[in-house]
Amino acid sequence: MVDVDDILTLLDRWEAYINAVLGLWAGLSPWLLGFTGYDMALLAHLGIGGSVVLIAVLEIWQASRNT
């Protein structure tokens, strides 16, 4: 029988990887979408994207230490 805790642990790990990718997208989107001329939008995307990536990497690192 499949253990529910194992499924939730697997979903938590995938969630962290998806968050890291989305954070990278948010950080790179000013260049990919061409709005680097708007300083506040650029800074907001860099700050939010960087924060999301940092938290996701910490979550992945913490999960790898616990297994």
Protein backbone atom coordinates (compact mmCIF):
# COMPACT_ATOMS: atom_id res chain seq x y z
CA MET A 1 0.00 0.00 0.00
CA VAL A 2 1.20 3.50 -0.80
CA ASP A 3 2.05 5.67 2.18
CA VAL A 4 0.46 9.12 2.07
CA ASP A 5 3.49 10.69 3.78
CA ASP A 6 5.77 9.46 0.97
CA ILE A 7 3.51 11.04 -1.65
CA LEU A 8 3.40 14.35 0.24
CA THR A 9 7.18 14.36 0.61
CA LEU A 10 7.58 13.81 -3.13
CA LEU A 11 5.11 16.60 -3.90
CA ASP A 12 6.92 18.95 -1.50
CA ARG A 13 10.21 18.31 -3.28
CA TRP A 14 8.69 18.95 -6.73
CA GLU A 15 7.05 22.10 -5.40
CA ALA A 16 10.44 23.47 -4.37
CA TYR A 17 11.94 22.76 -7.81
CA ILE A 18 8.99 24.39 -9.56
CA ASN A 19 9.30 27.43 -7.29
CA ALA A 20 12.99 27.71 -8.17
CA VAL A 21 12.22 27.64 -11.89
CA LEU A 22 9.44 30.22 -11.51
CA GLY A 23 11.75 32.43 -9.46
CA LEU A 24 14.36 32.24 -12.21
CA TRP A 25 11.70 33.15 -14.74
CA ALA A 26 10.62 36.14 -12.65
CA GLY A 27 14.23 37.30 -12.31
CA LEU A 28 15.04 36.91 -15.99
CA SER A 29 11.74 38.13 -17.39
CA PRO A 30 12.80 41.80 -17.71
CA TRP A 31 15.41 40.74 -20.27
CA LEU A 32 13.34 37.99 -21.85
CA LEU A 33 10.30 40.21 -22.27
CA GLY A 34 12.20 43.44 -22.91
CA PHE A 35 11.19 45.79 -20.11
CA THR A 36 14.62 46.55 -18.63
CA GLY A 37 14.04 50.26 -19.25
CA TYR A 38 11.46 50.40 -16.46
CA ASP A 39 13.63 50.63 -13.36
CA MET A 40 10.97 49.84 -10.74
CA ALA A 41 9.66 46.84 -12.65
CA LEU A 42 13.21 45.58 -13.17
CA LEU A 43 14.08 45.93 -9.48
CA ALA A 44 10.81 44.36 -8.38
CA HIS A 45 11.29 41.32 -10.61
CA LEU A 46 14.91 40.91 -9.55
CA GLY A 47 14.04 41.19 -5.86
CA ILE A 48 11.02 38.92 -5.92
CA GLY A 49 12.59 36.39 -8.28
CA GLY A 50 15.79 36.27 -6.26
CA SER A 51 13.86 35.81 -3.02
CA VAL A 52 11.79 32.98 -4.46
CA VAL A 53 14.90 31.23 -5.78
CA LEU A 54 16.72 31.65 -2.45
CA ILE A 55 13.83 30.23 -0.44
CA ALA A 56 13.38 27.33 -2.89
CA VAL A 57 17.08 26.46 -2.79
CA LEU A 58 17.05 26.56 1.01
CA GLU A 59 14.00 24.30 1.02
CA ILE A 60 15.67 21.82 -1.35
CA TRP A 61 18.87 21.90 0.73
CA GLN A 62 16.94 21.33 3.96
CA ALA A 63 14.99 18.44 2.43
CA SER A 64 18.21 16.81 1.23
CA ARG A 65 19.69 17.03 4.73
CA ASN A 66 16.63 15.35 6.28
CA THR A 67 16.71 12.30 4.00
